[in-house]
All heavy atoms as atom14 arrays in JSON, in Angstrom:
{
  "sequence": "LIPTVALGVPGGVGMAVLMSGFTILGVVPGPSMLNQHLDAVFAMALVI",
  "atom14_mask": [
    [1, 1, 1, 1, 1, 1, 1, 1, 0, 0, 0, 0, 0, 0],
    [1, 1, 1, 1, 1, 1, 1, 1, 0, 0, 0, 0, 0, 0],
    [1, 1, 1, 1, 1, 1, 1, 0, 0, 0, 0, 0, 0, 0],
    [1, 1, 1, 1, 1, 1, 1, 0, 0, 0, 0, 0, 0, 0],
    [1, 1, 1, 1, 1, 1, 1, 0, 0, 0, 0, 0, 0, 0],
    [1, 1, 1, 1, 1, 0, 0, 0, 0, 0, 0, 0, 0, 0],
    [1, 1, 1, 1, 1, 1, 1, 1, 0, 0, 0, 0, 0, 0],
    [1, 1, 1, 1, 0, 0, 0, 0, 0, 0, 0, 0, 0, 0],
    [1, 1, 1, 1, 1, 1, 1, 0, 0, 0, 0, 0, 0, 0],
    [1, 1, 1, 1, 1, 1, 1, 0, 0, 0, 0, 0, 0, 0],
    [1, 1, 1, 1, 0, 0, 0, 0, 0, 0, 0, 0, 0, 0],
    [1, 1, 1, 1, 0, 0, 0, 0, 0, 0, 0, 0, 0, 0],
    [1, 1, 1, 1, 1, 1, 1, 0, 0, 0, 0, 0, 0, 0],
    [1, 1, 1, 1, 0, 0, 0, 0, 0, 0, 0, 0, 0, 0],
    [1, 1, 1, 1, 1, 1, 1, 1, 0, 0, 0, 0, 0, 0],
    [1, 1, 1, 1, 1, 0, 0, 0, 0, 0, 0, 0, 0, 0],
    [1, 1, 1, 1, 1, 1, 1, 0, 0, 0, 0, 0, 0, 0],
    [1, 1, 1, 1, 1, 1, 1, 1, 0, 0, 0, 0, 0, 0],
    [1, 1, 1, 1, 1, 1, 1, 1, 0, 0, 0, 0, 0, 0],
    [1, 1, 1, 1, 1, 1, 0, 0, 0, 0, 0, 0, 0, 0],
    [1, 1, 1, 1, 0, 0, 0, 0, 0, 0, 0, 0, 0, 0],
    [1, 1, 1, 1, 1, 1, 1, 1, 1, 1, 1, 0, 0, 0],
    [1, 1, 1, 1, 1, 1, 1, 0, 0, 0, 0, 0, 0, 0],
    [1, 1, 1, 1, 1, 1, 1, 1, 0, 0, 0, 0, 0, 0],
    [1, 1, 1, 1, 1, 1, 1, 1, 0, 0, 0, 0, 0, 0],
    [1, 1, 1, 1, 0, 0, 0, 0, 0, 0, 0, 0, 0, 0],
    [1, 1, 1, 1, 1, 1, 1, 0, 0, 0, 0, 0, 0, 0],
    [1, 1, 1, 1, 1, 1, 1, 0, 0, 0, 0, 0, 0, 0],
    [1, 1, 1, 1, 1, 1, 1, 0, 0, 0, 0, 0, 0, 0],
    [1, 1, 1, 1, 0, 0, 0, 0, 0, 0, 0, 0, 0, 0],
    [1, 1, 1, 1, 1, 1, 1, 0, 0, 0, 0, 0, 0, 0],
    [1, 1, 1, 1, 1, 1, 0, 0, 0, 0, 0, 0, 0, 0],
    [1, 1, 1, 1, 1, 1, 1, 1, 0, 0, 0, 0, 0, 0],
    [1, 1, 1, 1, 1, 1, 1, 1, 0, 0, 0, 0, 0, 0],
    [1, 1, 1, 1, 1, 1, 1, 1, 0, 0, 0, 0, 0, 0],
    [1, 1, 1, 1, 1, 1, 1, 1, 1, 0, 0, 0, 0, 0],
    [1, 1, 1, 1, 1, 1, 1, 1, 1, 1, 0, 0, 0, 0],
    [1, 1, 1, 1, 1, 1, 1, 1, 0, 0, 0, 0, 0, 0],
    [1, 1, 1, 1, 1, 1, 1, 1, 0, 0, 0, 0, 0, 0],
    [1, 1, 1, 1, 1, 0, 0, 0, 0, 0, 0, 0, 0, 0],
    [1, 1, 1, 1, 1, 1, 1, 0, 0, 0, 0, 0, 0, 0],
    [1, 1, 1, 1, 1, 1, 1, 1, 1, 1, 1, 0, 0, 0],
    [1, 1, 1, 1, 1, 0, 0, 0, 0, 0, 0, 0, 0, 0],
    [1, 1, 1, 1, 1, 1, 1, 1, 0, 0, 0, 0, 0, 0],
    [1, 1, 1, 1, 1, 0, 0, 0, 0, 0, 0, 0, 0, 0],
    [1, 1, 1, 1, 1, 1, 1, 1, 0, 0, 0, 0, 0, 0],
    [1, 1, 1, 1, 1, 1, 1, 0, 0, 0, 0, 0, 0, 0],
    [1, 1, 1, 1, 1, 1, 1, 1, 0, 0, 0, 0, 0, 0]
  ],
  "atom14_positions": [
    [[149.02, 54.84, 102.81], [148.47, 55.76, 101.81], [147.48, 56.75, 102.43], [147.27, 57.83, 101.89], [147.78, 54.98, 100.69], [148.65, 54.5, 99.53], [147.82, 53.7, 98.55], [149.33, 55.67, 98.83], [0.0, 0.0, 0.0], [0.0, 0.0, 0.0], [0.0, 0.0, 0.0], [0.0, 0.0, 0.0], [0.0, 0.0, 0.0], [0.0, 0.0, 0.0]],
    [[146.83, 56.37, 103.53], [145.78, 57.22, 104.11], [146.33, 58.57, 104.56], [145.86, 59.62, 104.11], [145.05, 56.48, 105.25], [144.32, 55.25, 104.69], [144.08, 57.41, 105.96], [143.71, 54.35, 105.73], [0.0, 0.0, 0.0], [0.0, 0.0, 0.0], [0.0, 0.0, 0.0], [0.0, 0.0, 0.0], [0.0, 0.0, 0.0], [0.0, 0.0, 0.0]],
    [[147.35, 58.62, 105.46], [147.88, 59.95, 105.83], [148.63, 60.62, 104.68], [148.67, 61.85, 104.59], [148.81, 59.65, 107.01], [149.22, 58.23, 106.82], [148.03, 57.55, 106.21], [0.0, 0.0, 0.0], [0.0, 0.0, 0.0], [0.0, 0.0, 0.0], [0.0, 0.0, 0.0], [0.0, 0.0, 0.0], [0.0, 0.0, 0.0], [0.0, 0.0, 0.0]],
    [[149.21, 59.82, 103.79], [149.96, 60.39, 102.66], [149.04, 61.15, 101.73], [149.33, 62.28, 101.32], [150.68, 59.27, 101.88], [151.52, 58.54, 102.76], [151.53, 59.86, 100.76], [0.0, 0.0, 0.0], [0.0, 0.0, 0.0], [0.0, 0.0, 0.0], [0.0, 0.0, 0.0], [0.0, 0.0, 0.0], [0.0, 0.0, 0.0], [0.0, 0.0, 0.0]],
    [[147.9, 60.55, 101.39], [146.97, 61.16, 100.45], [146.12, 62.23, 101.11], [145.93, 63.33, 100.58], [146.07, 60.07, 99.82], [144.91, 60.68, 99.06], [146.89, 59.17, 98.91], [0.0, 0.0, 0.0], [0.0, 0.0, 0.0], [0.0, 0.0, 0.0], [0.0, 0.0, 0.0], [0.0, 0.0, 0.0], [0.0, 0.0, 0.0], [0.0, 0.0, 0.0]],
    [[145.59, 61.93, 102.3], [144.62, 62.84, 102.93], [145.28, 64.06, 103.56], [144.73, 65.15, 103.54], [143.81, 62.09, 103.98], [0.0, 0.0, 0.0], [0.0, 0.0, 0.0], [0.0, 0.0, 0.0], [0.0, 0.0, 0.0], [0.0, 0.0, 0.0], [0.0, 0.0, 0.0], [0.0, 0.0, 0.0], [0.0, 0.0, 0.0], [0.0, 0.0, 0.0]],
    [[146.49, 63.87, 104.13], [147.11, 64.95, 104.92], [148.45, 65.41, 104.36], [149.01, 66.38, 104.85], [147.29, 64.5, 106.37], [146.01, 64.05, 107.09], [146.35, 63.48, 108.44], [145.03, 65.21, 107.22], [0.0, 0.0, 0.0], [0.0, 0.0, 0.0], [0.0, 0.0, 0.0], [0.0, 0.0, 0.0], [0.0, 0.0, 0.0], [0.0, 0.0, 0.0]],
    [[148.99, 64.67, 103.38], [150.3, 65.03, 102.86], [151.43, 64.7, 103.81], [152.52, 65.26, 103.72], [0.0, 0.0, 0.0], [0.0, 0.0, 0.0], [0.0, 0.0, 0.0], [0.0, 0.0, 0.0], [0.0, 0.0, 0.0], [0.0, 0.0, 0.0], [0.0, 0.0, 0.0], [0.0, 0.0, 0.0], [0.0, 0.0, 0.0], [0.0, 0.0, 0.0]],
    [[151.19, 63.76, 104.72], [152.21, 63.32, 105.67], [152.52, 61.85, 105.38], [151.67, 60.99, 105.58], [151.73, 63.47, 107.13], [152.77, 62.92, 108.09], [151.46, 64.93, 107.44], [0.0, 0.0, 0.0], [0.0, 0.0, 0.0], [0.0, 0.0, 0.0], [0.0, 0.0, 0.0], [0.0, 0.0, 0.0], [0.0, 0.0, 0.0], [0.0, 0.0, 0.0]],
    [[153.7, 61.54, 104.88], [154.01, 60.14, 104.51], [154.07, 59.24, 105.73], [154.63, 59.6, 106.77], [155.37, 60.25, 103.83], [155.96, 61.51, 104.33], [154.82, 62.44, 104.62], [0.0, 0.0, 0.0], [0.0, 0.0, 0.0], [0.0, 0.0, 0.0], [0.0, 0.0, 0.0], [0.0, 0.0, 0.0], [0.0, 0.0, 0.0], [0.0, 0.0, 0.0]],
    [[153.5, 58.05, 105.59], [153.48, 57.11, 106.7], [154.79, 56.35, 106.87], [155.03, 55.77, 107.92], [0.0, 0.0, 0.0], [0.0, 0.0, 0.0], [0.0, 0.0, 0.0], [0.0, 0.0, 0.0], [0.0, 0.0, 0.0], [0.0, 0.0, 0.0], [0.0, 0.0, 0.0], [0.0, 0.0, 0.0], [0.0, 0.0, 0.0], [0.0, 0.0, 0.0]],
    [[155.64, 56.32, 105.86], [156.9, 55.6, 105.95], [157.85, 56.07, 104.87], [157.56, 57.03, 104.13], [0.0, 0.0, 0.0], [0.0, 0.0, 0.0], [0.0, 0.0, 0.0], [0.0, 0.0, 0.0], [0.0, 0.0, 0.0], [0.0, 0.0, 0.0], [0.0, 0.0, 0.0], [0.0, 0.0, 0.0], [0.0, 0.0, 0.0], [0.0, 0.0, 0.0]],
    [[158.98, 55.39, 104.75], [160.02, 55.82, 103.81], [159.54, 55.7, 102.38], [159.73, 56.61, 101.56], [161.3, 54.97, 104.01], [162.4, 55.47, 103.1], [161.74, 55.01, 105.46], [0.0, 0.0, 0.0], [0.0, 0.0, 0.0], [0.0, 0.0, 0.0], [0.0, 0.0, 0.0], [0.0, 0.0, 0.0], [0.0, 0.0, 0.0], [0.0, 0.0, 0.0]],
    [[158.9, 54.57, 102.04], [158.4, 54.38, 100.69], [157.4, 55.46, 100.29], [157.42, 55.98, 99.17], [0.0, 0.0, 0.0], [0.0, 0.0, 0.0], [0.0, 0.0, 0.0], [0.0, 0.0, 0.0], [0.0, 0.0, 0.0], [0.0, 0.0, 0.0], [0.0, 0.0, 0.0], [0.0, 0.0, 0.0], [0.0, 0.0, 0.0], [0.0, 0.0, 0.0]],
    [[156.51, 55.81, 101.22], [155.53, 56.84, 100.93], [156.19, 58.21, 100.82], [155.71, 59.08, 100.09], [154.46, 56.88, 102.03], [153.55, 55.67, 102.04], [152.59, 55.47, 100.53], [153.24, 53.91, 99.91], [0.0, 0.0, 0.0], [0.0, 0.0, 0.0], [0.0, 0.0, 0.0], [0.0, 0.0, 0.0], [0.0, 0.0, 0.0], [0.0, 0.0, 0.0]],
    [[157.3, 58.42, 101.51], [158.03, 59.69, 101.38], [158.57, 59.85, 99.96], [158.49, 60.92, 99.36], [159.17, 59.76, 102.39], [0.0, 0.0, 0.0], [0.0, 0.0, 0.0], [0.0, 0.0, 0.0], [0.0, 0.0, 0.0], [0.0, 0.0, 0.0], [0.0, 0.0, 0.0], [0.0, 0.0, 0.0], [0.0, 0.0, 0.0], [0.0, 0.0, 0.0]],
    [[159.11, 58.76, 99.42], [159.62, 58.8, 98.04], [158.45, 58.92, 97.06], [158.54, 59.6, 96.04], [160.47, 57.56, 97.74], [161.03, 57.63, 96.32], [161.62, 57.44, 98.73], [0.0, 0.0, 0.0], [0.0, 0.0, 0.0], [0.0, 0.0, 0.0], [0.0, 0.0, 0.0], [0.0, 0.0, 0.0], [0.0, 0.0, 0.0], [0.0, 0.0, 0.0]],
    [[157.32, 58.25, 97.37], [156.14, 58.37, 96.52], [155.65, 59.81, 96.48], [155.2, 60.3, 95.44], [155.03, 57.44, 97.02], [153.78, 57.35, 96.13], [154.11, 56.67, 94.81], [152.67, 56.59, 96.85], [0.0, 0.0, 0.0], [0.0, 0.0, 0.0], [0.0, 0.0, 0.0], [0.0, 0.0, 0.0], [0.0, 0.0, 0.0], [0.0, 0.0, 0.0]],
    [[155.74, 60.52, 97.62], [155.39, 61.93, 97.63], [156.32, 62.75, 96.76], [155.91, 63.77, 96.18], [155.39, 62.47, 99.06], [154.12, 62.16, 99.83], [154.03, 63.05, 101.41], [153.99, 64.76, 100.85], [0.0, 0.0, 0.0], [0.0, 0.0, 0.0], [0.0, 0.0, 0.0], [0.0, 0.0, 0.0], [0.0, 0.0, 0.0], [0.0, 0.0, 0.0]],
    [[157.56, 62.32, 96.63], [158.46, 62.98, 95.68], [157.91, 62.83, 94.27], [157.97, 63.75, 93.45], [159.86, 62.37, 95.76], [160.37, 62.41, 97.08], [0.0, 0.0, 0.0], [0.0, 0.0, 0.0], [0.0, 0.0, 0.0], [0.0, 0.0, 0.0], [0.0, 0.0, 0.0], [0.0, 0.0, 0.0], [0.0, 0.0, 0.0], [0.0, 0.0, 0.0]],
    [[157.35, 61.64, 93.99], [156.7, 61.43, 92.7], [155.5, 62.33, 92.52], [155.26, 62.85, 91.42], [0.0, 0.0, 0.0], [0.0, 0.0, 0.0], [0.0, 0.0, 0.0], [0.0, 0.0, 0.0], [0.0, 0.0, 0.0], [0.0, 0.0, 0.0], [0.0, 0.0, 0.0], [0.0, 0.0, 0.0], [0.0, 0.0, 0.0], [0.0, 0.0, 0.0]],
    [[154.73, 62.54, 93.59], [153.6, 63.49, 93.52], [154.09, 64.87, 93.1], [153.47, 65.54, 92.27], [152.91, 63.61, 94.89], [152.12, 62.4, 95.31], [151.68, 62.26, 96.62], [151.81, 61.4, 94.41], [150.93, 61.17, 97.01], [151.07, 60.29, 94.8], [150.64, 60.18, 96.11], [0.0, 0.0, 0.0], [0.0, 0.0, 0.0], [0.0, 0.0, 0.0]],
    [[155.2, 65.3, 93.71], [155.75, 66.62, 93.4], [156.14, 66.73, 91.94], [155.85, 67.73, 91.27], [156.98, 66.9, 94.29], [156.61, 66.79, 95.67], [157.54, 68.29, 94.02], [0.0, 0.0, 0.0], [0.0, 0.0, 0.0], [0.0, 0.0, 0.0], [0.0, 0.0, 0.0], [0.0, 0.0, 0.0], [0.0, 0.0, 0.0], [0.0, 0.0, 0.0]],
    [[156.79, 65.7, 91.42], [157.21, 65.69, 90.02], [156.0, 65.76, 89.09], [156.0, 66.43, 88.06], [158.05, 64.43, 89.72], [159.39, 64.52, 90.46], [158.28, 64.27, 88.22], [160.19, 63.24, 90.43], [0.0, 0.0, 0.0], [0.0, 0.0, 0.0], [0.0, 0.0, 0.0], [0.0, 0.0, 0.0], [0.0, 0.0, 0.0], [0.0, 0.0, 0.0]],
    [[154.92, 65.07, 89.47], [153.71, 65.01, 88.64], [152.79, 66.2, 88.85], [151.76, 66.31, 88.17], [152.95, 63.71, 88.94], [153.69, 62.41, 88.62], [152.93, 61.21, 89.19], [153.87, 62.25, 87.11], [0.0, 0.0, 0.0], [0.0, 0.0, 0.0], [0.0, 0.0, 0.0], [0.0, 0.0, 0.0], [0.0, 0.0, 0.0], [0.0, 0.0, 0.0]],
    [[153.12, 67.07, 89.8], [152.29, 68.24, 90.06], [151.04, 67.94, 90.86], [150.07, 68.69, 90.8], [0.0, 0.0, 0.0], [0.0, 0.0, 0.0], [0.0, 0.0, 0.0], [0.0, 0.0, 0.0], [0.0, 0.0, 0.0], [0.0, 0.0, 0.0], [0.0, 0.0, 0.0], [0.0, 0.0, 0.0], [0.0, 0.0, 0.0], [0.0, 0.0, 0.0]],
    [[151.06, 66.85, 91.62], [149.92, 66.46, 92.44], [150.18, 66.9, 93.88], [151.24, 66.6, 94.44], [149.69, 64.93, 92.39], [148.57, 64.52, 93.33], [149.38, 64.5, 90.97], [0.0, 0.0, 0.0], [0.0, 0.0, 0.0], [0.0, 0.0, 0.0], [0.0, 0.0, 0.0], [0.0, 0.0, 0.0], [0.0, 0.0, 0.0], [0.0, 0.0, 0.0]],
    [[149.24, 67.62, 94.46], [149.38, 68.1, 95.84], [148.49, 67.27, 96.75], [147.26, 67.3, 96.61], [148.98, 69.59, 95.95], [149.16, 70.08, 97.39], [149.81, 70.43, 94.99], [0.0, 0.0, 0.0], [0.0, 0.0, 0.0], [0.0, 0.0, 0.0], [0.0, 0.0, 0.0], [0.0, 0.0, 0.0], [0.0, 0.0, 0.0], [0.0, 0.0, 0.0]],
    [[149.08, 66.49, 97.67], [148.25, 65.68, 98.58], [147.37, 66.55, 99.46], [147.66, 67.72, 99.7], [149.29, 64.92, 99.43], [150.56, 65.01, 98.66], [150.51, 66.3, 97.92], [0.0, 0.0, 0.0], [0.0, 0.0, 0.0], [0.0, 0.0, 0.0], [0.0, 0.0, 0.0], [0.0, 0.0, 0.0], [0.0, 0.0, 0.0], [0.0, 0.0, 0.0]],
    [[146.28, 65.96, 99.94], [145.35, 66.69, 100.79], [144.07, 67.02, 100.04], [143.68, 66.31, 99.12], [0.0, 0.0, 0.0], [0.0, 0.0, 0.0], [0.0, 0.0, 0.0], [0.0, 0.0, 0.0], [0.0, 0.0, 0.0], [0.0, 0.0, 0.0], [0.0, 0.0, 0.0], [0.0, 0.0, 0.0], [0.0, 0.0, 0.0], [0.0, 0.0, 0.0]],
    [[143.42, 68.13, 100.4], [142.15, 68.49, 99.76], [142.26, 68.59, 98.24], [141.35, 68.18, 97.52], [141.82, 69.85, 100.39], [142.56, 69.87, 101.68], [143.81, 69.07, 101.46], [0.0, 0.0, 0.0], [0.0, 0.0, 0.0], [0.0, 0.0, 0.0], [0.0, 0.0, 0.0], [0.0, 0.0, 0.0], [0.0, 0.0, 0.0], [0.0, 0.0, 0.0]],
    [[143.4, 69.14, 97.75], [143.57, 69.29, 96.31], [143.55, 67.94, 95.6], [142.91, 67.79, 94.56], [144.88, 70.02, 96.02], [145.12, 70.08, 94.64], [0.0, 0.0, 0.0], [0.0, 0.0, 0.0], [0.0, 0.0, 0.0], [0.0, 0.0, 0.0], [0.0, 0.0, 0.0], [0.0, 0.0, 0.0], [0.0, 0.0, 0.0], [0.0, 0.0, 0.0]],
    [[144.24, 66.95, 96.18], [144.28, 65.64, 95.54], [142.92, 64.95, 95.59], [142.5, 64.32, 94.62], [145.34, 64.76, 96.21], [145.55, 63.43, 95.52], [147.0, 62.56, 96.15], [147.12, 61.21, 94.97], [0.0, 0.0, 0.0], [0.0, 0.0, 0.0], [0.0, 0.0, 0.0], [0.0, 0.0, 0.0], [0.0, 0.0, 0.0], [0.0, 0.0, 0.0]],
    [[142.22, 65.08, 96.72], [140.92, 64.43, 96.85], [139.86, 65.09, 95.95], [138.88, 64.44, 95.58], [140.46, 64.47, 98.31], [141.3, 63.65, 99.29], [140.77, 63.8, 100.7], [141.34, 62.19, 98.89], [0.0, 0.0, 0.0], [0.0, 0.0, 0.0], [0.0, 0.0, 0.0], [0.0, 0.0, 0.0], [0.0, 0.0, 0.0], [0.0, 0.0, 0.0]],
    [[140.07, 66.35, 95.6], [139.12, 67.03, 94.73], [139.47, 66.88, 93.25], [138.59, 66.68, 92.42], [139.05, 68.53, 95.09], [138.38, 68.76, 96.43], [137.43, 68.07, 96.77], [138.86, 69.73, 97.19], [0.0, 0.0, 0.0], [0.0, 0.0, 0.0], [0.0, 0.0, 0.0], [0.0, 0.0, 0.0], [0.0, 0.0, 0.0], [0.0, 0.0, 0.0]],
    [[140.76, 66.97, 92.93], [141.17, 66.99, 91.53], [141.68, 65.65, 91.03], [141.65, 65.4, 89.81], [142.27, 68.05, 91.33], [141.83, 69.46, 91.7], [142.97, 70.45, 91.6], [143.99, 70.19, 90.97], [142.82, 71.61, 92.23], [0.0, 0.0, 0.0], [0.0, 0.0, 0.0], [0.0, 0.0, 0.0], [0.0, 0.0, 0.0], [0.0, 0.0, 0.0]],
    [[142.18, 64.79, 91.92], [142.77, 63.53, 91.48], [142.23, 62.35, 92.3], [142.97, 61.42, 92.62], [144.3, 63.58, 91.62], [144.95, 64.64, 90.78], [145.13, 64.51, 89.42], [145.45, 65.86, 91.12], [145.73, 65.59, 88.95], [145.93, 66.42, 89.96], [0.0, 0.0, 0.0], [0.0, 0.0, 0.0], [0.0, 0.0, 0.0], [0.0, 0.0, 0.0]],
    [[140.95, 62.41, 92.63], [140.36, 61.31, 93.4], [140.43, 60.0, 92.61], [140.57, 58.92, 93.2], [138.91, 61.63, 93.77], [138.18, 60.63, 94.67], [138.92, 60.48, 96.01], [136.74, 61.06, 94.91], [0.0, 0.0, 0.0], [0.0, 0.0, 0.0], [0.0, 0.0, 0.0], [0.0, 0.0, 0.0], [0.0, 0.0, 0.0], [0.0, 0.0, 0.0]],
    [[140.34, 60.08, 91.29], [140.46, 58.87, 90.47], [141.82, 58.21, 90.65], [141.92, 56.97, 90.64], [140.22, 59.2, 89.0], [141.16, 60.3, 88.48], [141.71, 61.06, 89.31], [141.33, 60.4, 87.25], [0.0, 0.0, 0.0], [0.0, 0.0, 0.0], [0.0, 0.0, 0.0], [0.0, 0.0, 0.0], [0.0, 0.0, 0.0], [0.0, 0.0, 0.0]],
    [[142.87, 59.01, 90.86], [144.2, 58.45, 91.07], [144.29, 57.7, 92.39], [145.01, 56.7, 92.51], [145.26, 59.55, 91.03], [0.0, 0.0, 0.0], [0.0, 0.0, 0.0], [0.0, 0.0, 0.0], [0.0, 0.0, 0.0], [0.0, 0.0, 0.0], [0.0, 0.0, 0.0], [0.0, 0.0, 0.0], [0.0, 0.0, 0.0], [0.0, 0.0, 0.0]],
    [[143.55, 58.17, 93.4], [143.56, 57.49, 94.71], [142.96, 56.1, 94.56], [143.51, 55.11, 95.07], [142.78, 58.32, 95.75], [142.77, 57.59, 97.1], [143.39, 59.71, 95.91], [0.0, 0.0, 0.0], [0.0, 0.0, 0.0], [0.0, 0.0, 0.0], [0.0, 0.0, 0.0], [0.0, 0.0, 0.0], [0.0, 0.0, 0.0], [0.0, 0.0, 0.0]],
    [[141.83, 55.99, 93.89], [141.22, 54.69, 93.67], [142.1, 53.81, 92.78], [142.19, 52.59, 92.99], [139.83, 54.84, 93.04], [138.78, 55.34, 94.0], [138.31, 56.64, 93.93], [138.28, 54.51, 94.97], [137.35, 57.1, 94.81], [137.31, 54.96, 95.88], [136.85, 56.26, 95.79], [0.0, 0.0, 0.0], [0.0, 0.0, 0.0], [0.0, 0.0, 0.0]],
    [[142.75, 54.41, 91.81], [143.65, 53.64, 90.94], [144.82, 53.07, 91.74], [145.25, 51.93, 91.52], [144.16, 54.52, 89.8], [0.0, 0.0, 0.0], [0.0, 0.0, 0.0], [0.0, 0.0, 0.0], [0.0, 0.0, 0.0], [0.0, 0.0, 0.0], [0.0, 0.0, 0.0], [0.0, 0.0, 0.0], [0.0, 0.0, 0.0], [0.0, 0.0, 0.0]],
    [[145.36, 53.86, 92.7], [146.47, 53.37, 93.52], [146.05, 52.17, 94.36], [146.83, 51.23, 94.55], [147.0, 54.49, 94.41], [147.81, 55.53, 93.66], [148.72, 56.66, 94.75], [147.37, 57.62, 95.43], [0.0, 0.0, 0.0], [0.0, 0.0, 0.0], [0.0, 0.0, 0.0], [0.0, 0.0, 0.0], [0.0, 0.0, 0.0], [0.0, 0.0, 0.0]],
    [[144.82, 52.2, 94.87], [144.32, 51.04, 95.63], [144.27, 49.81, 94.74], [144.66, 48.7, 95.16], [142.94, 51.35, 96.2], [0.0, 0.0, 0.0], [0.0, 0.0, 0.0], [0.0, 0.0, 0.0], [0.0, 0.0, 0.0], [0.0, 0.0, 0.0], [0.0, 0.0, 0.0], [0.0, 0.0, 0.0], [0.0, 0.0, 0.0], [0.0, 0.0, 0.0]],
    [[143.82, 49.98, 93.49], [143.76, 48.84, 92.56], [145.16, 48.35, 92.2], [145.38, 47.15, 92.03], [142.99, 49.24, 91.3], [142.72, 48.13, 90.28], [141.9, 47.01, 90.92], [142.01, 48.68, 89.05], [0.0, 0.0, 0.0], [0.0, 0.0, 0.0], [0.0, 0.0, 0.0], [0.0, 0.0, 0.0], [0.0, 0.0, 0.0], [0.0, 0.0, 0.0]],
    [[146.12, 49.27, 92.09], [147.5, 48.89, 91.78], [148.05, 47.98, 92.87], [148.72, 46.96, 92.59], [148.4, 50.14, 91.63], [149.87, 49.75, 91.6], [148.04, 50.88, 90.35], [0.0, 0.0, 0.0], [0.0, 0.0, 0.0], [0.0, 0.0, 0.0], [0.0, 0.0, 0.0], [0.0, 0.0, 0.0], [0.0, 0.0, 0.0], [0.0, 0.0, 0.0]],
    [[147.79, 48.31, 94.14], [148.27, 47.48, 95.24], [147.66, 46.08, 95.15], [148.36, 45.07, 95.33], [147.92, 48.12, 96.6], [148.7, 49.43, 96.78], [148.25, 47.17, 97.75], [148.35, 50.17, 98.05], [0.0, 0.0, 0.0], [0.0, 0.0, 0.0], [0.0, 0.0, 0.0], [0.0, 0.0, 0.0], [0.0, 0.0, 0.0], [0.0, 0.0, 0.0]]
  ]
}
């Protein structure tokens, strides 16, 4: 999740598909996600 969220570069196949989900939801990984959807990042950690 670290390179996926912070840099928009998926770390593996599952994260690549998860990034497809980001696209569908209108979430842009990187600075935009850390500024506008930081709550989602913490929520994903809790989901795991």
